[in-house]
Amino acid sequence: MRPAPLAPSLHLFVCANRRPEDSPLGAGCGDAGDQVFDAMKQEVAKRGAYRSVWVTRTLCLGVCPKKGCTVATYPRQRIVSEVEPADAIALFESALAVARP
């Protein structure tokens, strides 16, 4: 095991987990997670921030919202739920502002 040579200043984890509609935990983040992930990846591309900002699609992050999706941000160690696709850019901006040295 060795340390990776590259680490981002901001890493966003977007839940896109899917469960059956009748699951006691709800249906999961599914489509909203996919849409938020796509919007954030497009923002990274628009800014050319491939090395400094990573966006990762995940399965369950442990917080299952009734609507939208859950996003975890590091290094801020913040978890936000009920994120809708329309919130993606504002969340990206907010997380980036905190991650800047």
C-alpha atoms as a PDB file:
ATOM      1  CA  MET A   1       0.000   0.000   0.000  1.00  0.00           C
ATOM      2  CA  ARG A   2       1.228   3.511  -0.812  1.00  0.00           C
ATOM      3  CA  PRO A   3      -0.225   7.021  -0.839  1.00  0.00           C
ATOM      4  CA  ALA A   4      -1.749   8.144  -4.117  1.00  0.00           C
ATOM      5  CA  PRO A   5       0.262  10.844  -5.912  1.00  0.00           C
ATOM      6  CA  LEU A   6      -2.807  12.994  -6.530  1.00  0.00           C
ATOM      7  CA  ALA A   7      -5.582  14.139  -4.204  1.00  0.00           C
ATOM      8  CA  PRO A   8      -8.320  16.674  -4.956  1.00  0.00           C
ATOM      9  CA  SER A   9      -8.947  19.769  -2.869  1.00  0.00           C
ATOM     10  CA  LEU A  10     -12.672  18.950  -3.076  1.00  0.00           C
ATOM     11  CA  HIS A  11     -14.347  15.563  -3.404  1.00  0.00           C
ATOM     12  CA  LEU A  12     -18.133  15.296  -3.827  1.00  0.00           C
ATOM     13  CA  PHE A  13     -19.860  11.945  -3.339  1.00  0.00           C
ATOM     14  CA  VAL A  14     -23.328  11.810  -4.926  1.00  0.00           C
ATOM     15  CA  CYS A  15     -25.693   8.996  -3.953  1.00  0.00           C
ATOM     16  CA  ALA A  16     -27.506   7.369  -6.863  1.00  0.00           C
ATOM     17  CA  ASN A  17     -28.612   4.272  -4.948  1.00  0.00           C
ATOM     18  CA  ARG A  18     -31.816   2.572  -6.062  1.00  0.00           C
ATOM     19  CA  ARG A  19     -34.132   0.416  -3.968  1.00  0.00           C
ATOM     20  CA  PRO A  20     -37.542  -1.118  -4.649  1.00  0.00           C
ATOM     21  CA  GLU A  21     -40.395   1.379  -4.244  1.00  0.00           C
ATOM     22  CA  ASP A  22     -41.761  -0.632  -1.305  1.00  0.00           C
ATOM     23  CA  SER A  23     -38.473  -0.602   0.647  1.00  0.00           C
ATOM     24  CA  PRO A  24     -38.905   0.601   4.251  1.00  0.00           C
ATOM     25  CA  LEU A  25     -35.991   2.995   3.597  1.00  0.00           C
ATOM     26  CA  GLY A  26     -37.635   4.448   0.507  1.00  0.00           C
ATOM     27  CA  ALA A  27     -36.741   4.120  -3.151  1.00  0.00           C
ATOM     28  CA  GLY A  28     -33.294   5.695  -2.758  1.00  0.00           C
ATOM     29  CA  CYS A  29     -31.682   8.610  -4.569  1.00  0.00           C
ATOM     30  CA  GLY A  30     -31.762   7.052  -8.044  1.00  0.00           C
ATOM     31  CA  ASP A  31     -32.641   9.430 -10.869  1.00  0.00           C
ATOM     32  CA  ALA A  32     -32.100  12.593  -8.797  1.00  0.00           C
ATOM     33  CA  GLY A  33     -28.626  11.336  -7.872  1.00  0.00           C
ATOM     34  CA  ASP A  34     -27.799  10.625 -11.509  1.00  0.00           C
ATOM     35  CA  GLN A  35     -28.960  14.103 -12.530  1.00  0.00           C
ATOM     36  CA  VAL A  36     -27.035  15.859  -9.725  1.00  0.00           C
ATOM     37  CA  PHE A  37     -23.926  13.805 -10.562  1.00  0.00           C
ATOM     38  CA  ASP A  38     -24.194  14.752 -14.257  1.00  0.00           C
ATOM     39  CA  ALA A  39     -24.656  18.458 -13.439  1.00  0.00           C
ATOM     40  CA  MET A  40     -21.630  18.474 -11.136  1.00  0.00           C
ATOM     41  CA  LYS A  41     -19.442  16.630 -13.654  1.00  0.00           C
ATOM     42  CA  GLN A  42     -20.453  19.170 -16.297  1.00  0.00           C
ATOM     43  CA  GLU A  43     -19.458  21.978 -13.937  1.00  0.00           C
ATOM     44  CA  VAL A  44     -16.044  20.374 -13.354  1.00  0.00           C
ATOM     45  CA  ALA A  45     -15.579  20.114 -17.124  1.00  0.00           C
ATOM     46  CA  LYS A  46     -16.731  23.707 -17.709  1.00  0.00           C
ATOM     47  CA  ARG A  47     -14.142  24.938 -15.205  1.00  0.00           C
ATOM     48  CA  GLY A  48     -11.404  22.529 -16.286  1.00  0.00           C
ATOM     49  CA  ALA A  49     -11.075  21.494 -12.619  1.00  0.00           C
ATOM     50  CA  TYR A  50     -10.334  17.811 -13.273  1.00  0.00           C
ATOM     51  CA  ARG A  51      -7.386  17.629 -10.877  1.00  0.00           C
ATOM     52  CA  SER A  52      -8.762  19.730  -8.031  1.00  0.00           C
ATOM     53  CA  VAL A  53     -12.423  18.609  -7.897  1.00  0.00           C
ATOM     54  CA  TRP A  54     -13.561  15.016  -8.055  1.00  0.00           C
ATOM     55  CA  VAL A  55     -17.199  13.949  -8.278  1.00  0.00           C
ATOM     56  CA  THR A  56     -17.995  10.317  -7.524  1.00  0.00           C
ATOM     57  CA  ARG A  57     -21.308   8.527  -7.988  1.00  0.00           C
ATOM     58  CA  THR A  58     -21.928   6.263  -4.981  1.00  0.00           C
ATOM     59  CA  LEU A  59     -24.438   3.872  -3.590  1.00  0.00           C
ATOM     60  CA  CYS A  60     -25.990   4.455  -0.151  1.00  0.00           C
ATOM     61  CA  LEU A  61     -24.440   7.195   1.990  1.00  0.00           C
ATOM     62  CA  GLY A  62     -26.667   6.324   4.956  1.00  0.00           C
ATOM     63  CA  VAL A  63     -29.102   9.242   4.671  1.00  0.00           C
ATOM     64  CA  CYS A  64     -32.183   8.371   2.634  1.00  0.00           C
ATOM     65  CA  PRO A  65     -34.196  11.457   1.692  1.00  0.00           C
ATOM     66  CA  LYS A  66     -37.838  11.309   0.644  1.00  0.00           C
ATOM     67  CA  LYS A  67     -36.954  13.458  -2.398  1.00  0.00           C
ATOM     68  CA  GLY A  68     -33.752  14.402  -4.195  1.00  0.00           C
ATOM     69  CA  CYS A  69     -30.449  12.787  -3.273  1.00  0.00           C
ATOM     70  CA  THR A  70     -27.711  12.904  -0.659  1.00  0.00           C
ATOM     71  CA  VAL A  71     -24.282  14.453  -1.293  1.00  0.00           C
ATOM     72  CA  ALA A  72     -21.217  14.205   0.965  1.00  0.00           C
ATOM     73  CA  THR A  73     -18.441  16.779   0.614  1.00  0.00           C
ATOM     74  CA  TYR A  74     -14.828  16.418   1.690  1.00  0.00           C
ATOM     75  CA  PRO A  75     -12.676  17.797   3.182  1.00  0.00           C
ATOM     76  CA  ARG A  76     -15.530  19.774   4.744  1.00  0.00           C
ATOM     77  CA  GLN A  77     -17.083  16.529   6.037  1.00  0.00           C
ATOM     78  CA  ARG A  78     -20.607  17.735   5.352  1.00  0.00           C
ATOM     79  CA  ILE A  79     -23.572  15.659   4.254  1.00  0.00           C
ATOM     80  CA  VAL A  80     -26.507  17.368   2.550  1.00  0.00           C
ATOM     81  CA  SER A  81     -29.776  15.607   1.768  1.00  0.00           C
ATOM     82  CA  GLU A  82     -32.781  16.393  -0.432  1.00  0.00           C
ATOM     83  CA  VAL A  83     -30.460  17.815  -3.094  1.00  0.00           C
ATOM     84  CA  GLU A  84     -32.406  18.385  -6.300  1.00  0.00           C
ATOM     85  CA  PRO A  85     -30.787  18.758  -9.736  1.00  0.00           C
ATOM     86  CA  ALA A  86     -31.515  22.522  -9.608  1.00  0.00           C
ATOM     87  CA  ASP A  87     -29.380  22.708  -6.407  1.00  0.00           C
ATOM     88  CA  ALA A  88     -26.302  21.062  -7.916  1.00  0.00           C
ATOM     89  CA  ILE A  89     -24.424  24.167  -9.090  1.00  0.00           C
ATOM     90  CA  ALA A  90     -25.088  26.134  -5.870  1.00  0.00           C
ATOM     91  CA  LEU A  91     -23.901  23.181  -3.781  1.00  0.00           C
ATOM     92  CA  PHE A  92     -20.832  22.836  -5.999  1.00  0.00           C
ATOM     93  CA  GLU A  93     -20.041  26.562  -5.580  1.00  0.00           C
ATOM     94  CA  SER A  94     -20.545  26.431  -1.813  1.00  0.00           C
ATOM     95  CA  ALA A  95     -18.325  23.376  -1.396  1.00  0.00           C
ATOM     96  CA  LEU A  96     -15.656  24.836  -3.665  1.00  0.00           C
ATOM     97  CA  ALA A  97     -15.577  28.109  -1.720  1.00  0.00           C
ATOM     98  CA  VAL A  98     -14.902  26.222   1.522  1.00  0.00           C
ATOM     99  CA  ALA A  99     -12.280  23.955  -0.072  1.00  0.00           C
ATOM    100  CA  ARG A 100     -10.168  26.816  -1.457  1.00  0.00           C
ATOM    101  CA  PRO A 101      -7.058  27.472   0.629  1.00  0.00           C
END
